[in-house]
Full PDB file with SEQRES, HELIX, SHEET, SSBOND, CRYST1, ORIGX, SCALE, CONECT and MASTER records, all heavy atoms in Angstrom:
SEQRES   1 A   45  GLU ALA LEU VAL ALA CYS ARG MET LEU GLY PHE ASN GLY          
SEQRES   2 A   45  THR THR ALA VAL ALA VAL GLY SER ALA LYS TYR GLY ALA          
SEQRES   3 A   45  GLY SER GLY PRO ILE LEU PHE SER TYR LEU ARG CYS VAL          
SEQRES   4 A   45  GLY ASN GLU THR SER LEU                                      
HELIX    1 AA1 ALA A    2  MET A    8  1                                   7    
CRYST1    1.000    1.000    1.000  90.00  90.00  90.00 P 1           1          
ORIGX1      1.000000  0.000000  0.000000        0.00000                         
ORIGX2      0.000000  1.000000  0.000000        0.00000                         
ORIGX3      0.000000  0.000000  1.000000        0.00000                         
SCALE1      1.000000  0.000000  0.000000        0.00000                         
SCALE2      0.000000  1.000000  0.000000        0.00000                         
SCALE3      0.000000  0.000000  1.000000        0.00000                         
ATOM      1  N   GLU A   1     131.701 205.236  37.498  1.00  0.00           N  
ATOM      2  CA  GLU A   1     131.409 204.873  36.116  1.00  0.00           C  
ATOM      3  C   GLU A   1     132.695 204.500  35.377  1.00  0.00           C  
ATOM      4  O   GLU A   1     132.706 203.557  34.574  1.00  0.00           O  
ATOM      5  CB  GLU A   1     130.686 206.026  35.409  1.00  0.00           C  
ATOM      6  CG  GLU A   1     129.290 206.288  35.944  1.00  0.00           C  
ATOM      7  CD  GLU A   1     129.246 207.029  37.284  1.00  0.00           C  
ATOM      8  OE1 GLU A   1     130.239 207.709  37.645  1.00  0.00           O  
ATOM      9  OE2 GLU A   1     128.221 206.933  37.981  1.00  0.00           O  
ATOM     10  N   ALA A   2     133.781 205.213  35.660  1.00  0.00           N  
ATOM     11  CA  ALA A   2     135.070 204.884  35.038  1.00  0.00           C  
ATOM     12  C   ALA A   2     135.551 203.495  35.465  1.00  0.00           C  
ATOM     13  O   ALA A   2     136.087 202.732  34.658  1.00  0.00           O  
ATOM     14  CB  ALA A   2     136.114 205.947  35.384  1.00  0.00           C  
ATOM     15  N   LEU A   3     135.349 203.146  36.737  1.00  0.00           N  
ATOM     16  CA  LEU A   3     135.721 201.802  37.202  1.00  0.00           C  
ATOM     17  C   LEU A   3     134.957 200.718  36.452  1.00  0.00           C  
ATOM     18  O   LEU A   3     135.532 199.704  36.046  1.00  0.00           O  
ATOM     19  CB  LEU A   3     135.452 201.665  38.705  1.00  0.00           C  
ATOM     20  CG  LEU A   3     136.450 202.332  39.637  1.00  0.00           C  
ATOM     21  CD1 LEU A   3     135.928 202.323  41.065  1.00  0.00           C  
ATOM     22  CD2 LEU A   3     137.806 201.648  39.550  1.00  0.00           C  
ATOM     23  N   VAL A   4     133.672 200.931  36.243  1.00  0.00           N  
ATOM     24  CA  VAL A   4     132.859 199.950  35.532  1.00  0.00           C  
ATOM     25  C   VAL A   4     133.298 199.874  34.071  1.00  0.00           C  
ATOM     26  O   VAL A   4     133.425 198.785  33.503  1.00  0.00           O  
ATOM     27  CB  VAL A   4     131.353 200.276  35.652  1.00  0.00           C  
ATOM     28  CG1 VAL A   4     130.513 199.325  34.815  1.00  0.00           C  
ATOM     29  CG2 VAL A   4     130.923 200.247  37.114  1.00  0.00           C  
ATOM     30  N   ALA A   5     133.544 201.023  33.450  1.00  0.00           N  
ATOM     31  CA  ALA A   5     134.004 201.040  32.059  1.00  0.00           C  
ATOM     32  C   ALA A   5     135.329 200.291  31.925  1.00  0.00           C  
ATOM     33  O   ALA A   5     135.507 199.493  30.998  1.00  0.00           O  
ATOM     34  CB  ALA A   5     134.145 202.480  31.568  1.00  0.00           C  
ATOM     35  N   CYS A   6     136.234 200.513  32.840  1.00  0.00           N  
ATOM     36  CA  CYS A   6     137.530 199.817  32.797  1.00  0.00           C  
ATOM     37  C   CYS A   6     137.336 198.316  33.005  1.00  0.00           C  
ATOM     38  O   CYS A   6     138.030 197.503  32.389  1.00  0.00           O  
ATOM     39  CB  CYS A   6     138.488 200.399  33.829  1.00  0.00           C  
ATOM     40  SG  CYS A   6     139.071 202.059  33.376  1.00  0.00           S  
ATOM     41  N   ARG A   7     136.385 197.941  33.833  1.00  0.00           N  
ATOM     42  CA  ARG A   7     136.076 196.520  34.013  1.00  0.00           C  
ATOM     43  C   ARG A   7     135.559 195.933  32.698  1.00  0.00           C  
ATOM     44  O   ARG A   7     135.916 194.819  32.318  1.00  0.00           O  
ATOM     45  CB  ARG A   7     135.039 196.361  35.126  1.00  0.00           C  
ATOM     46  CG  ARG A   7     134.972 194.970  35.695  1.00  0.00           C  
ATOM     47  CD  ARG A   7     134.144 194.894  36.977  1.00  0.00           C  
ATOM     48  NE  ARG A   7     134.798 195.619  38.064  1.00  0.00           N  
ATOM     49  CZ  ARG A   7     134.269 196.672  38.707  1.00  0.00           C  
ATOM     50  NH1 ARG A   7     133.069 197.104  38.413  1.00  0.00           N  
ATOM     51  NH2 ARG A   7     134.924 197.278  39.665  1.00  0.00           N  
ATOM     52  N   MET A   8     134.727 196.678  31.977  1.00  0.00           N  
ATOM     53  CA  MET A   8     134.251 196.220  30.664  1.00  0.00           C  
ATOM     54  C   MET A   8     135.415 196.052  29.692  1.00  0.00           C  
ATOM     55  O   MET A   8     135.367 195.198  28.803  1.00  0.00           O  
ATOM     56  CB  MET A   8     133.253 197.226  30.068  1.00  0.00           C  
ATOM     57  CG  MET A   8     131.894 197.219  30.700  1.00  0.00           C  
ATOM     58  SD  MET A   8     130.777 198.409  29.901  1.00  0.00           S  
ATOM     59  CE  MET A   8     130.431 197.575  28.340  1.00  0.00           C  
ATOM     60  N   LEU A   9     136.444 196.866  29.841  1.00  0.00           N  
ATOM     61  CA  LEU A   9     137.614 196.793  28.975  1.00  0.00           C  
ATOM     62  C   LEU A   9     138.560 195.663  29.355  1.00  0.00           C  
ATOM     63  O   LEU A   9     139.548 195.422  28.677  1.00  0.00           O  
ATOM     64  CB  LEU A   9     138.368 198.134  29.012  1.00  0.00           C  
ATOM     65  CG  LEU A   9     137.638 199.300  28.358  1.00  0.00           C  
ATOM     66  CD1 LEU A   9     138.227 200.628  28.812  1.00  0.00           C  
ATOM     67  CD2 LEU A   9     137.691 199.166  26.843  1.00  0.00           C  
ATOM     68  N   GLY A  10     138.282 194.995  30.466  1.00  0.00           N  
ATOM     69  CA  GLY A  10     139.105 193.865  30.886  1.00  0.00           C  
ATOM     70  C   GLY A  10     140.097 194.176  31.985  1.00  0.00           C  
ATOM     71  O   GLY A  10     140.912 193.329  32.346  1.00  0.00           O  
ATOM     72  N   PHE A  11     140.039 195.374  32.552  1.00  0.00           N  
ATOM     73  CA  PHE A  11     140.928 195.748  33.641  1.00  0.00           C  
ATOM     74  C   PHE A  11     140.217 195.509  34.966  1.00  0.00           C  
ATOM     75  O   PHE A  11     139.048 195.810  35.107  1.00  0.00           O  
ATOM     76  CB  PHE A  11     141.334 197.219  33.540  1.00  0.00           C  
ATOM     77  CG  PHE A  11     142.068 197.535  32.269  1.00  0.00           C  
ATOM     78  CD1 PHE A  11     141.435 198.186  31.230  1.00  0.00           C  
ATOM     79  CD2 PHE A  11     143.396 197.165  32.110  1.00  0.00           C  
ATOM     80  CE1 PHE A  11     142.103 198.472  30.049  1.00  0.00           C  
ATOM     81  CE2 PHE A  11     144.074 197.441  30.936  1.00  0.00           C  
ATOM     82  CZ  PHE A  11     143.422 198.099  29.903  1.00  0.00           C  
ATOM     83  N   ASN A  12     140.939 194.971  35.924  1.00  0.00           N  
ATOM     84  CA  ASN A  12     140.338 194.676  37.227  1.00  0.00           C  
ATOM     85  C   ASN A  12     140.920 195.525  38.340  1.00  0.00           C  
ATOM     86  O   ASN A  12     140.793 195.186  39.503  1.00  0.00           O  
ATOM     87  CB  ASN A  12     140.499 193.186  37.555  1.00  0.00           C  
ATOM     88  CG  ASN A  12     139.652 192.326  36.657  1.00  0.00           C  
ATOM     89  OD1 ASN A  12     138.519 192.677  36.345  1.00  0.00           O  
ATOM     90  ND2 ASN A  12     140.204 191.213  36.205  1.00  0.00           N  
ATOM     91  N   GLY A  13     141.553 196.622  38.006  1.00  0.00           N  
ATOM     92  CA  GLY A  13     142.153 197.481  39.009  1.00  0.00           C  
ATOM     93  C   GLY A  13     141.126 198.255  39.800  1.00  0.00           C  
ATOM     94  O   GLY A  13     139.933 198.255  39.502  1.00  0.00           O  
ATOM     95  N   THR A  14     141.603 198.908  40.815  1.00  0.00           N  
ATOM     96  CA  THR A  14     140.725 199.712  41.664  1.00  0.00           C  
ATOM     97  C   THR A  14     140.890 201.194  41.394  1.00  0.00           C  
ATOM     98  O   THR A  14     140.319 202.015  42.096  1.00  0.00           O  
ATOM     99  CB  THR A  14     141.026 199.429  43.153  1.00  0.00           C  
ATOM    100  OG1 THR A  14     142.399 199.721  43.398  1.00  0.00           O  
ATOM    101  CG2 THR A  14     140.713 197.991  43.501  1.00  0.00           C  
ATOM    102  N   THR A  15     141.678 201.536  40.394  1.00  0.00           N  
ATOM    103  CA  THR A  15     141.864 202.940  40.057  1.00  0.00           C  
ATOM    104  C   THR A  15     141.495 203.171  38.596  1.00  0.00           C  
ATOM    105  O   THR A  15     141.879 202.417  37.719  1.00  0.00           O  
ATOM    106  CB  THR A  15     143.327 203.385  40.286  1.00  0.00           C  
ATOM    107  OG1 THR A  15     144.193 202.539  39.541  1.00  0.00           O  
ATOM    108  CG2 THR A  15     143.682 203.323  41.755  1.00  0.00           C  
ATOM    109  N   ALA A  16     140.716 204.190  38.373  1.00  0.00           N  
ATOM    110  CA  ALA A  16     140.305 204.591  37.037  1.00  0.00           C  
ATOM    111  C   ALA A  16     139.928 206.060  37.098  1.00  0.00           C  
ATOM    112  O   ALA A  16     139.506 206.556  38.144  1.00  0.00           O  
ATOM    113  CB  ALA A  16     139.129 203.757  36.555  1.00  0.00           C  
ATOM    114  N   VAL A  17     140.079 206.744  35.983  1.00  0.00           N  
ATOM    115  CA  VAL A  17     139.784 208.173  35.934  1.00  0.00           C  
ATOM    116  C   VAL A  17     138.941 208.464  34.699  1.00  0.00           C  
ATOM    117  O   VAL A  17     139.228 207.955  33.612  1.00  0.00           O  
ATOM    118  CB  VAL A  17     141.090 208.998  35.880  1.00  0.00           C  
ATOM    119  CG1 VAL A  17     140.798 210.475  35.724  1.00  0.00           C  
ATOM    120  CG2 VAL A  17     141.950 208.741  37.104  1.00  0.00           C  
ATOM    121  N   ALA A  18     137.915 209.259  34.870  1.00  0.00           N  
ATOM    122  CA  ALA A  18     137.127 209.759  33.748  1.00  0.00           C  
ATOM    123  C   ALA A  18     137.757 211.069  33.281  1.00  0.00           C  
ATOM    124  O   ALA A  18     138.132 211.908  34.092  1.00  0.00           O  
ATOM    125  CB  ALA A  18     135.686 210.004  34.186  1.00  0.00           C  
ATOM    126  N   VAL A  19     137.886 211.219  31.971  1.00  0.00           N  
ATOM    127  CA  VAL A  19     138.461 212.447  31.419  1.00  0.00           C  
ATOM    128  C   VAL A  19     137.549 212.986  30.321  1.00  0.00           C  
ATOM    129  O   VAL A  19     136.831 212.224  29.681  1.00  0.00           O  
ATOM    130  CB  VAL A  19     139.889 212.226  30.865  1.00  0.00           C  
ATOM    131  CG1 VAL A  19     140.850 211.870  31.973  1.00  0.00           C  
ATOM    132  CG2 VAL A  19     139.910 211.140  29.812  1.00  0.00           C  
ATOM    133  N   GLY A  20     137.590 214.285  30.141  1.00  0.00           N  
ATOM    134  CA  GLY A  20     136.773 214.926  29.122  1.00  0.00           C  
ATOM    135  C   GLY A  20     137.262 214.613  27.725  1.00  0.00           C  
ATOM    136  O   GLY A  20     138.388 214.155  27.513  1.00  0.00           O  
ATOM    137  N   SER A  21     136.421 214.863  26.746  1.00  0.00           N  
ATOM    138  CA  SER A  21     136.727 214.488  25.369  1.00  0.00           C  
ATOM    139  C   SER A  21     137.866 215.292  24.754  1.00  0.00           C  
ATOM    140  O   SER A  21     138.426 214.878  23.755  1.00  0.00           O  
ATOM    141  CB  SER A  21     135.478 214.628  24.505  1.00  0.00           C  
ATOM    142  OG  SER A  21     135.084 215.987  24.461  1.00  0.00           O  
ATOM    143  N   ALA A  22     138.207 216.422  25.322  1.00  0.00           N  
ATOM    144  CA  ALA A  22     139.286 217.218  24.747  1.00  0.00           C  
ATOM    145  C   ALA A  22     140.592 216.419  24.694  1.00  0.00           C  
ATOM    146  O   ALA A  22     141.403 216.604  23.797  1.00  0.00           O  
ATOM    147  CB  ALA A  22     139.493 218.490  25.558  1.00  0.00           C  
ATOM    148  N   LYS A  23     140.778 215.506  25.618  1.00  0.00           N  
ATOM    149  CA  LYS A  23     142.007 214.717  25.669  1.00  0.00           C  
ATOM    150  C   LYS A  23     142.105 213.716  24.527  1.00  0.00           C  
ATOM    151  O   LYS A  23     143.164 213.505  23.967  1.00  0.00           O  
ATOM    152  CB  LYS A  23     142.096 213.993  27.011  1.00  0.00           C  
ATOM    153  CG  LYS A  23     143.315 213.130  27.166  1.00  0.00           C  
ATOM    154  CD  LYS A  23     143.977 213.365  28.472  1.00  0.00           C  
ATOM    155  CE  LYS A  23     145.152 212.459  28.675  1.00  0.00           C  
ATOM    156  NZ  LYS A  23     146.409 213.048  28.315  1.00  0.00           N  
ATOM    157  N   TYR A  24     141.008 213.073  24.153  1.00  0.00           N  
ATOM    158  CA  TYR A  24     141.039 212.009  23.147  1.00  0.00           C  
ATOM    159  C   TYR A  24     140.203 212.292  21.908  1.00  0.00           C  
ATOM    160  O   TYR A  24     140.074 211.440  21.043  1.00  0.00           O  
ATOM    161  CB  TYR A  24     140.592 210.686  23.788  1.00  0.00           C  
ATOM    162  CG  TYR A  24     141.463 210.291  24.941  1.00  0.00           C  
ATOM    163  CD1 TYR A  24     140.978 210.313  26.245  1.00  0.00           C  
ATOM    164  CD2 TYR A  24     142.787 209.909  24.740  1.00  0.00           C  
ATOM    165  CE1 TYR A  24     141.786 209.949  27.311  1.00  0.00           C  
ATOM    166  CE2 TYR A  24     143.601 209.556  25.802  1.00  0.00           C  
ATOM    167  CZ  TYR A  24     143.089 209.580  27.076  1.00  0.00           C  
ATOM    168  OH  TYR A  24     143.889 209.232  28.132  1.00  0.00           O  
ATOM    169  N   GLY A  25     139.627 213.464  21.820  1.00  0.00           N  
ATOM    170  CA  GLY A  25     138.880 213.847  20.632  1.00  0.00           C  
ATOM    171  C   GLY A  25     137.427 213.398  20.662  1.00  0.00           C  
ATOM    172  O   GLY A  25     137.029 212.538  21.430  1.00  0.00           O  
ATOM    173  N   ALA A  26     136.658 214.000  19.781  1.00  0.00           N  
ATOM    174  CA  ALA A  26     135.240 213.686  19.670  1.00  0.00           C  
ATOM    175  C   ALA A  26     135.055 212.447  18.807  1.00  0.00           C  
ATOM    176  O   ALA A  26     135.784 212.234  17.842  1.00  0.00           O  
ATOM    177  CB  ALA A  26     134.493 214.858  19.061  1.00  0.00           C  
ATOM    178  N   GLY A  27     134.060 211.650  19.166  1.00  0.00           N  
ATOM    179  CA  GLY A  27     133.745 210.459  18.391  1.00  0.00           C  
ATOM    180  C   GLY A  27     132.718 210.763  17.322  1.00  0.00           C  
ATOM    181  O   GLY A  27     132.453 211.916  16.989  1.00  0.00           O  
ATOM    182  N   SER A  28     132.149 209.699  16.785  1.00  0.00           N  
ATOM    183  CA  SER A  28     131.081 209.841  15.796  1.00  0.00           C  
ATOM    184  C   SER A  28     130.083 208.721  16.043  1.00  0.00           C  
ATOM    185  O   SER A  28     130.300 207.863  16.886  1.00  0.00           O  
ATOM    186  CB  SER A  28     131.653 209.760  14.377  1.00  0.00           C  
ATOM    187  OG  SER A  28     132.283 208.509  14.179  1.00  0.00           O  
ATOM    188  N   GLY A  29     129.001 208.753  15.323  1.00  0.00           N  
ATOM    189  CA  GLY A  29     127.983 207.722  15.507  1.00  0.00           C  
ATOM    190  C   GLY A  29     127.059 208.061  16.653  1.00  0.00           C  
ATOM    191  O   GLY A  29     127.034 209.186  17.153  1.00  0.00           O  
ATOM    192  N   PRO A  30     126.280 207.080  17.095  1.00  0.00           N  
ATOM    193  CA  PRO A  30     125.299 207.354  18.152  1.00  0.00           C  
ATOM    194  C   PRO A  30     125.961 207.572  19.509  1.00  0.00           C  
ATOM    195  O   PRO A  30     127.047 207.072  19.775  1.00  0.00           O  
ATOM    196  CB  PRO A  30     124.441 206.086  18.170  1.00  0.00           C  
ATOM    197  CG  PRO A  30     125.322 205.018  17.619  1.00  0.00           C  
ATOM    198  CD  PRO A  30     126.229 205.693  16.623  1.00  0.00           C  
ATOM    199  N   ILE A  31     125.286 208.347  20.347  1.00  0.00           N  
ATOM    200  CA  ILE A  31     125.675 208.496  21.743  1.00  0.00           C  
ATOM    201  C   ILE A  31     124.775 207.552  22.525  1.00  0.00           C  
ATOM    202  O   ILE A  31     123.560 207.731  22.572  1.00  0.00           O  
ATOM    203  CB  ILE A  31     125.531 209.951  22.224  1.00  0.00           C  
ATOM    204  CG1 ILE A  31     126.457 210.856  21.394  1.00  0.00           C  
ATOM    205  CG2 ILE A  31     125.835 210.063  23.718  1.00  0.00           C  
ATOM    206  CD1 ILE A  31     126.276 212.338  21.644  1.00  0.00           C  
ATOM    207  N   LEU A  32     125.379 206.526  23.107  1.00  0.00           N  
ATOM    208  CA  LEU A  32     124.607 205.435  23.683  1.00  0.00           C  
ATOM    209  C   LEU A  32     124.076 205.736  25.075  1.00  0.00           C  
ATOM    210  O   LEU A  32     122.925 205.444  25.388  1.00  0.00           O  
ATOM    211  CB  LEU A  32     125.485 204.178  23.728  1.00  0.00           C  
ATOM    212  CG  LEU A  32     124.788 202.862  23.974  1.00  0.00           C  
ATOM    213  CD1 LEU A  32     123.763 202.561  22.894  1.00  0.00           C  
ATOM    214  CD2 LEU A  32     125.809 201.741  24.056  1.00  0.00           C  
ATOM    215  N   PHE A  33     124.926 206.312  25.940  1.00  0.00           N  
ATOM    216  CA  PHE A  33     124.543 206.548  27.338  1.00  0.00           C  
ATOM    217  C   PHE A  33     124.761 208.002  27.728  1.00  0.00           C  
ATOM    218  O   PHE A  33     125.680 208.651  27.241  1.00  0.00           O  
ATOM    219  CB  PHE A  33     125.398 205.717  28.294  1.00  0.00           C  
ATOM    220  CG  PHE A  33     125.110 204.248  28.310  1.00  0.00           C  
ATOM    221  CD1 PHE A  33     126.065 203.342  27.918  1.00  0.00           C  
ATOM    222  CD2 PHE A  33     123.888 203.762  28.763  1.00  0.00           C  
ATOM    223  CE1 PHE A  33     125.825 201.980  27.949  1.00  0.00           C  
ATOM    224  CE2 PHE A  33     123.638 202.405  28.808  1.00  0.00           C  
ATOM    225  CZ  PHE A  33     124.603 201.521  28.396  1.00  0.00           C  
ATOM    226  N   SER A  34     123.939 208.452  28.658  1.00  0.00           N  
ATOM    227  CA  SER A  34     124.103 209.749  29.300  1.00  0.00           C  
ATOM    228  C   SER A  34     123.582 209.634  30.725  1.00  0.00           C  
ATOM    229  O   SER A  34     122.709 208.813  31.008  1.00  0.00           O  
ATOM    230  CB  SER A  34     123.322 210.815  28.535  1.00  0.00           C  
ATOM    231  OG  SER A  34     123.508 212.079  29.117  1.00  0.00           O  
ATOM    232  N   TYR A  35     124.098 210.452  31.604  1.00  0.00           N  
ATOM    233  CA  TYR A  35     123.672 210.478  33.008  1.00  0.00           C  
ATOM    234  C   TYR A  35     123.690 209.082  33.636  1.00  0.00           C  
ATOM    235  O   TYR A  35     122.719 208.654  34.254  1.00  0.00           O  
ATOM    236  CB  TYR A  35     122.297 211.129  33.172  1.00  0.00           C  
ATOM    237  CG  TYR A  35     122.316 212.588  32.847  1.00  0.00           C  
ATOM    238  CD1 TYR A  35     121.792 213.051  31.644  1.00  0.00           C  
ATOM    239  CD2 TYR A  35     122.883 213.504  33.718  1.00  0.00           C  
ATOM    240  CE1 TYR A  35     121.830 214.395  31.330  1.00  0.00           C  
ATOM    241  CE2 TYR A  35     122.921 214.850  33.414  1.00  0.00           C  
ATOM    242  CZ  TYR A  35     122.393 215.289  32.217  1.00  0.00           C  
ATOM    243  OH  TYR A  35     122.436 216.623  31.912  1.00  0.00           O  
ATOM    244  N   LEU A  36     124.797 208.387  33.471  1.00  0.00           N  
ATOM    245  CA  LEU A  36     124.976 207.086  34.115  1.00  0.00           C  
ATOM    246  C   LEU A  36     125.158 207.277  35.607  1.00  0.00           C  
ATOM    247  O   LEU A  36     125.790 208.241  36.045  1.00  0.00           O  
ATOM    248  CB  LEU A  36     126.201 206.377  33.545  1.00  0.00           C  
ATOM    249  CG  LEU A  36     126.018 205.742  32.171  1.00  0.00           C  
ATOM    250  CD1 LEU A  36     127.370 205.521  31.507  1.00  0.00           C  
ATOM    251  CD2 LEU A  36     125.271 204.437  32.299  1.00  0.00           C  
ATOM    252  N   ARG A  37     124.640 206.357  36.391  1.00  0.00           N  
ATOM    253  CA  ARG A  37     124.823 206.342  37.844  1.00  0.00           C  
ATOM    254  C   ARG A  37     125.181 204.921  38.241  1.00  0.00           C  
ATOM    255  O   ARG A  37     124.324 204.043  38.297  1.00  0.00           O  
ATOM    256  CB  ARG A  37     123.556 206.777  38.580  1.00  0.00           C  
ATOM    257  CG  ARG A  37     123.189 208.219  38.373  1.00  0.00           C  
ATOM    258  CD  ARG A  37     124.147 209.148  39.116  1.00  0.00           C  
ATOM    259  NE  ARG A  37     123.764 210.520  38.956  1.00  0.00           N  
ATOM    260  CZ  ARG A  37     124.447 211.420  38.276  1.00  0.00           C  
ATOM    261  NH1 ARG A  37     125.566 211.084  37.690  1.00  0.00           N  
ATOM    262  NH2 ARG A  37     124.028 212.656  38.181  1.00  0.00           N  
ATOM    263  N   CYS A  38     126.458 204.681  38.484  1.00  0.00           N  
ATOM    264  CA  CYS A  38     126.926 203.358  38.863  1.00  0.00           C  
ATOM    265  C   CYS A  38     127.281 203.346  40.347  1.00  0.00           C  
ATOM    266  O   CYS A  38     127.640 204.374  40.914  1.00  0.00           O  
ATOM    267  CB  CYS A  38     128.176 202.970  38.072  1.00  0.00           C  
ATOM    268  SG  CYS A  38     127.944 202.950  36.283  1.00  0.00           S  
ATOM    269  N   VAL A  39     127.205 202.181  40.937  1.00  0.00           N  
ATOM    270  CA  VAL A  39     127.671 201.990  42.307  1.00  0.00           C  
ATOM    271  C   VAL A  39     129.184 201.793  42.283  1.00  0.00           C  
ATOM    272  O   VAL A  39     129.898 202.256  43.148  1.00  0.00           O  
ATOM    273  CB  VAL A  39     126.963 200.782  42.962  1.00  0.00           C  
ATOM    274  CG1 VAL A  39     127.529 200.487  44.332  1.00  0.00           C  
ATOM    275  CG2 VAL A  39     125.467 201.034  43.030  1.00  0.00           C  
ATOM    276  N   GLY A  40     129.669 201.096  41.250  1.00  0.00           N  
ATOM    277  CA  GLY A  40     131.096 200.854  41.090  1.00  0.00           C  
ATOM    278  C   GLY A  40     131.455 199.392  41.039  1.00  0.00           C  
ATOM    279  O   GLY A  40     132.552 199.028  40.641  1.00  0.00           O  
ATOM    280  N   ASN A  41     130.524 198.514  41.412  1.00  0.00           N  
ATOM    281  CA  ASN A  41     130.817 197.081  41.394  1.00  0.00           C  
ATOM    282  C   ASN A  41     130.158 196.362  40.214  1.00  0.00           C  
ATOM    283  O   ASN A  41     130.262 195.152  40.098  1.00  0.00           O  
ATOM    284  CB  ASN A  41     130.410 196.422  42.711  1.00  0.00           C  
ATOM    285  CG  ASN A  41     128.922 196.573  42.987  1.00  0.00           C  
ATOM    286  OD1 ASN A  41     128.190 197.182  42.224  1.00  0.00           O  
ATOM    287  ND2 ASN A  41     128.475 196.011  44.095  1.00  0.00           N  
ATOM    288  N   GLU A  42     129.487 197.087  39.340  1.00  0.00           N  
ATOM    289  CA  GLU A  42     128.840 196.483  38.181  1.00  0.00           C  
ATOM    290  C   GLU A  42     129.899 195.973  37.191  1.00  0.00           C  
ATOM    291  O   GLU A  42     131.027 196.435  37.185  1.00  0.00           O  
ATOM    292  CB  GLU A  42     127.935 197.503  37.463  1.00  0.00           C  
ATOM    293  CG  GLU A  42     126.803 198.032  38.314  1.00  0.00           C  
ATOM    294  CD  GLU A  42     127.147 199.289  39.104  1.00  0.00           C  
ATOM    295  OE1 GLU A  42     128.351 199.630  39.208  1.00  0.00           O  
ATOM    296  OE2 GLU A  42     126.226 199.930  39.627  1.00  0.00           O  
ATOM    297  N   THR A  43     129.499 195.028  36.353  1.00  0.00           N  
ATOM    298  CA  THR A  43     130.414 194.511  35.335  1.00  0.00           C  
ATOM    299  C   THR A  43     130.197 195.170  33.981  1.00  0.00           C  
ATOM    300  O   THR A  43     130.998 194.996  33.074  1.00  0.00           O  
ATOM    301  CB  THR A  43     130.272 192.989  35.184  1.00  0.00           C  
ATOM    302  OG1 THR A  43     128.911 192.691  34.865  1.00  0.00           O  
ATOM    303  CG2 THR A  43     130.683 192.269  36.468  1.00  0.00           C  
ATOM    304  N   SER A  44     129.122 195.920  33.833  1.00  0.00           N  
ATOM    305  CA  SER A  44     128.818 196.603  32.584  1.00  0.00           C  
ATOM    306  C   SER A  44     128.084 197.906  32.882  1.00  0.00           C  
ATOM    307  O   SER A  44     127.321 197.993  33.842  1.00  0.00           O  
ATOM    308  CB  SER A  44     127.926 195.713  31.702  1.00  0.00           C  
ATOM    309  OG  SER A  44     127.457 196.424  30.578  1.00  0.00           O  
ATOM    310  N   LEU A  45     128.285 198.898  32.035  1.00  0.00           N  
ATOM    311  CA  LEU A  45     127.565 200.167  32.189  1.00  0.00           C  
ATOM    312  C   LEU A  45     126.062 199.968  32.011  1.00  0.00           C  
ATOM    313  O   LEU A  45     125.267 200.738  32.547  1.00  0.00           O  
ATOM    314  CB  LEU A  45     128.088 201.191  31.189  1.00  0.00           C  
ATOM    315  CG  LEU A  45     129.526 201.665  31.415  1.00  0.00           C  
ATOM    316  CD1 LEU A  45     129.990 202.557  30.273  1.00  0.00           C  
ATOM    317  CD2 LEU A  45     129.664 202.385  32.747  1.00  0.00           C  
TER     318      LEU A  45                                                      
MASTER        0    0    0    1    0    0    0    6  317    1    0    4          
END                                                                             
């Protein structure tokens, strides 16, 4: 899922890491996705 998210951000690398919210803080507004299951080659979540 992190690889796909990074691809959405414009990065084409093969390395990406998902991190918990404690590192970057809590957001606000709607929570759009939960329980994502990606293969890793998708272009969008």
